[in-house]
Amino acid sequence: MVRDMTLNELRTQIDGIDNELAALFVRRMELVKKVAEAKRGGVAVLDTTREFQVRGQFLSQIPPELEKYANALLDTLLAVSRNYQNELLL
């Protein structure tokens, strides 16, 4: 019989996931920096077509009951990425 996890065990698992997310965020932002460098010289930071593609691919992996939360996460992630690119291109 599988026992229910304690609150501390659940939190430990969440902490592990947060650590993975932090590492993935750093990797993503390193690539965003390279994208900004590739855009230097006149390519616009905001590419609505690309963001639409990213959103579709991302949301296709999300269960419907989590879609509005995933949209909020992606909105923030895309905004942070654009802001970072804009700062790098100043």
C-alpha atoms as a PDB file:
ATOM      1  CA  MET A   1       0.000   0.000   0.000  1.00  0.00           C
ATOM      2  CA  VAL A   2       1.293   3.447  -0.936  1.00  0.00           C
ATOM      3  CA  ARG A   3       1.197   5.870   1.934  1.00  0.00           C
ATOM      4  CA  ASP A   4       0.357   9.537   1.635  1.00  0.00           C
ATOM      5  CA  MET A   5       3.356  11.839   1.726  1.00  0.00           C
ATOM      6  CA  THR A   6       3.795  14.233   4.588  1.00  0.00           C
ATOM      7  CA  LEU A   7       3.761  17.964   4.032  1.00  0.00           C
ATOM      8  CA  ASN A   8       7.541  18.073   4.504  1.00  0.00           C
ATOM      9  CA  GLU A   9       8.077  15.318   1.931  1.00  0.00           C
ATOM     10  CA  LEU A  10       5.890  17.159  -0.566  1.00  0.00           C
ATOM     11  CA  ARG A  11       7.777  20.381   0.080  1.00  0.00           C
ATOM     12  CA  THR A  12      11.093  18.596  -0.397  1.00  0.00           C
ATOM     13  CA  GLN A  13       9.925  17.374  -3.792  1.00  0.00           C
ATOM     14  CA  ILE A  14       8.766  20.893  -4.714  1.00  0.00           C
ATOM     15  CA  ASP A  15      12.176  22.249  -3.638  1.00  0.00           C
ATOM     16  CA  GLY A  16      13.833  19.769  -5.993  1.00  0.00           C
ATOM     17  CA  ILE A  17      11.610  20.857  -8.866  1.00  0.00           C
ATOM     18  CA  ASP A  18      12.316  24.521  -8.068  1.00  0.00           C
ATOM     19  CA  ASN A  19      16.049  23.761  -8.278  1.00  0.00           C
ATOM     20  CA  GLU A  20      15.523  22.189 -11.710  1.00  0.00           C
ATOM     21  CA  LEU A  21      13.447  25.169 -12.816  1.00  0.00           C
ATOM     22  CA  ALA A  22      16.175  27.573 -11.681  1.00  0.00           C
ATOM     23  CA  ALA A  23      18.788  25.695 -13.718  1.00  0.00           C
ATOM     24  CA  LEU A  24      16.482  25.623 -16.762  1.00  0.00           C
ATOM     25  CA  PHE A  25      15.781  29.342 -16.368  1.00  0.00           C
ATOM     26  CA  VAL A  26      19.502  30.125 -16.385  1.00  0.00           C
ATOM     27  CA  ARG A  27      20.003  27.961 -19.501  1.00  0.00           C
ATOM     28  CA  ARG A  28      17.054  29.652 -21.216  1.00  0.00           C
ATOM     29  CA  MET A  29      18.326  33.129 -20.409  1.00  0.00           C
ATOM     30  CA  GLU A  30      21.803  32.229 -21.710  1.00  0.00           C
ATOM     31  CA  LEU A  31      20.131  31.359 -25.017  1.00  0.00           C
ATOM     32  CA  VAL A  32      18.001  34.520 -24.885  1.00  0.00           C
ATOM     33  CA  LYS A  33      21.261  36.460 -24.605  1.00  0.00           C
ATOM     34  CA  LYS A  34      22.534  34.771 -27.767  1.00  0.00           C
ATOM     35  CA  VAL A  35      19.241  35.560 -29.517  1.00  0.00           C
ATOM     36  CA  ALA A  36      19.675  39.225 -28.556  1.00  0.00           C
ATOM     37  CA  GLU A  37      23.188  39.173 -29.995  1.00  0.00           C
ATOM     38  CA  ALA A  38      21.813  37.673 -33.232  1.00  0.00           C
ATOM     39  CA  LYS A  39      19.168  40.410 -33.371  1.00  0.00           C
ATOM     40  CA  ARG A  40      21.708  43.196 -32.923  1.00  0.00           C
ATOM     41  CA  GLY A  41      21.626  45.532 -35.859  1.00  0.00           C
ATOM     42  CA  GLY A  42      17.975  45.935 -36.551  1.00  0.00           C
ATOM     43  CA  VAL A  43      15.885  42.839 -35.863  1.00  0.00           C
ATOM     44  CA  ALA A  44      12.995  43.659 -33.507  1.00  0.00           C
ATOM     45  CA  VAL A  45      13.010  42.060 -30.070  1.00  0.00           C
ATOM     46  CA  LEU A  46       9.283  41.347 -30.182  1.00  0.00           C
ATOM     47  CA  ASP A  47       8.417  38.650 -32.698  1.00  0.00           C
ATOM     48  CA  THR A  48       4.714  37.949 -32.268  1.00  0.00           C
ATOM     49  CA  THR A  49       4.775  35.072 -34.752  1.00  0.00           C
ATOM     50  CA  ARG A  50       7.520  33.328 -32.779  1.00  0.00           C
ATOM     51  CA  GLU A  51       5.765  33.964 -29.468  1.00  0.00           C
ATOM     52  CA  PHE A  52       2.567  32.490 -30.904  1.00  0.00           C
ATOM     53  CA  GLN A  53       4.514  29.363 -31.907  1.00  0.00           C
ATOM     54  CA  VAL A  54       6.160  29.105 -28.491  1.00  0.00           C
ATOM     55  CA  ARG A  55       2.798  29.492 -26.758  1.00  0.00           C
ATOM     56  CA  GLY A  56       1.168  26.803 -28.895  1.00  0.00           C
ATOM     57  CA  GLN A  57       3.989  24.331 -28.345  1.00  0.00           C
ATOM     58  CA  PHE A  58       4.111  25.018 -24.607  1.00  0.00           C
ATOM     59  CA  LEU A  59       0.373  24.832 -24.035  1.00  0.00           C
ATOM     60  CA  SER A  60       0.042  21.633 -26.059  1.00  0.00           C
ATOM     61  CA  GLN A  61       1.850  19.914 -23.188  1.00  0.00           C
ATOM     62  CA  ILE A  62      -0.370  21.314 -20.445  1.00  0.00           C
ATOM     63  CA  PRO A  63      -3.543  19.689 -19.110  1.00  0.00           C
ATOM     64  CA  PRO A  64      -6.630  21.871 -19.729  1.00  0.00           C
ATOM     65  CA  GLU A  65      -7.242  22.496 -16.027  1.00  0.00           C
ATOM     66  CA  LEU A  66      -3.787  24.124 -15.752  1.00  0.00           C
ATOM     67  CA  GLU A  67      -3.906  26.124 -18.980  1.00  0.00           C
ATOM     68  CA  LYS A  68      -4.718  29.521 -17.461  1.00  0.00           C
ATOM     69  CA  TYR A  69      -1.865  29.124 -14.958  1.00  0.00           C
ATOM     70  CA  ALA A  70       0.524  27.981 -17.678  1.00  0.00           C
ATOM     71  CA  ASN A  71      -0.476  31.038 -19.726  1.00  0.00           C
ATOM     72  CA  ALA A  72       0.366  33.273 -16.775  1.00  0.00           C
ATOM     73  CA  LEU A  73       3.740  31.576 -16.371  1.00  0.00           C
ATOM     74  CA  LEU A  74       4.497  31.872 -20.068  1.00  0.00           C
ATOM     75  CA  ASP A  75       3.381  35.526 -20.172  1.00  0.00           C
ATOM     76  CA  THR A  76       5.898  36.278 -17.437  1.00  0.00           C
ATOM     77  CA  LEU A  77       8.666  34.220 -18.997  1.00  0.00           C
ATOM     78  CA  LEU A  78       8.258  35.832 -22.403  1.00  0.00           C
ATOM     79  CA  ALA A  79       8.124  39.323 -20.879  1.00  0.00           C
ATOM     80  CA  VAL A  80      11.291  38.675 -18.854  1.00  0.00           C
ATOM     81  CA  SER A  81      13.024  37.367 -21.973  1.00  0.00           C
ATOM     82  CA  ARG A  82      12.035  40.441 -24.002  1.00  0.00           C
ATOM     83  CA  ASN A  83      13.097  42.775 -21.193  1.00  0.00           C
ATOM     84  CA  TYR A  84      16.479  41.069 -20.930  1.00  0.00           C
ATOM     85  CA  GLN A  85      16.989  41.335 -24.691  1.00  0.00           C
ATOM     86  CA  ASN A  86      16.044  45.013 -24.632  1.00  0.00           C
ATOM     87  CA  GLU A  87      18.559  45.678 -21.838  1.00  0.00           C
ATOM     88  CA  LEU A  88      21.287  43.826 -23.694  1.00  0.00           C
ATOM     89  CA  LEU A  89      20.634  45.810 -26.863  1.00  0.00           C
ATOM     90  CA  LEU A  90      20.853  49.251 -25.232  1.00  0.00           C
END
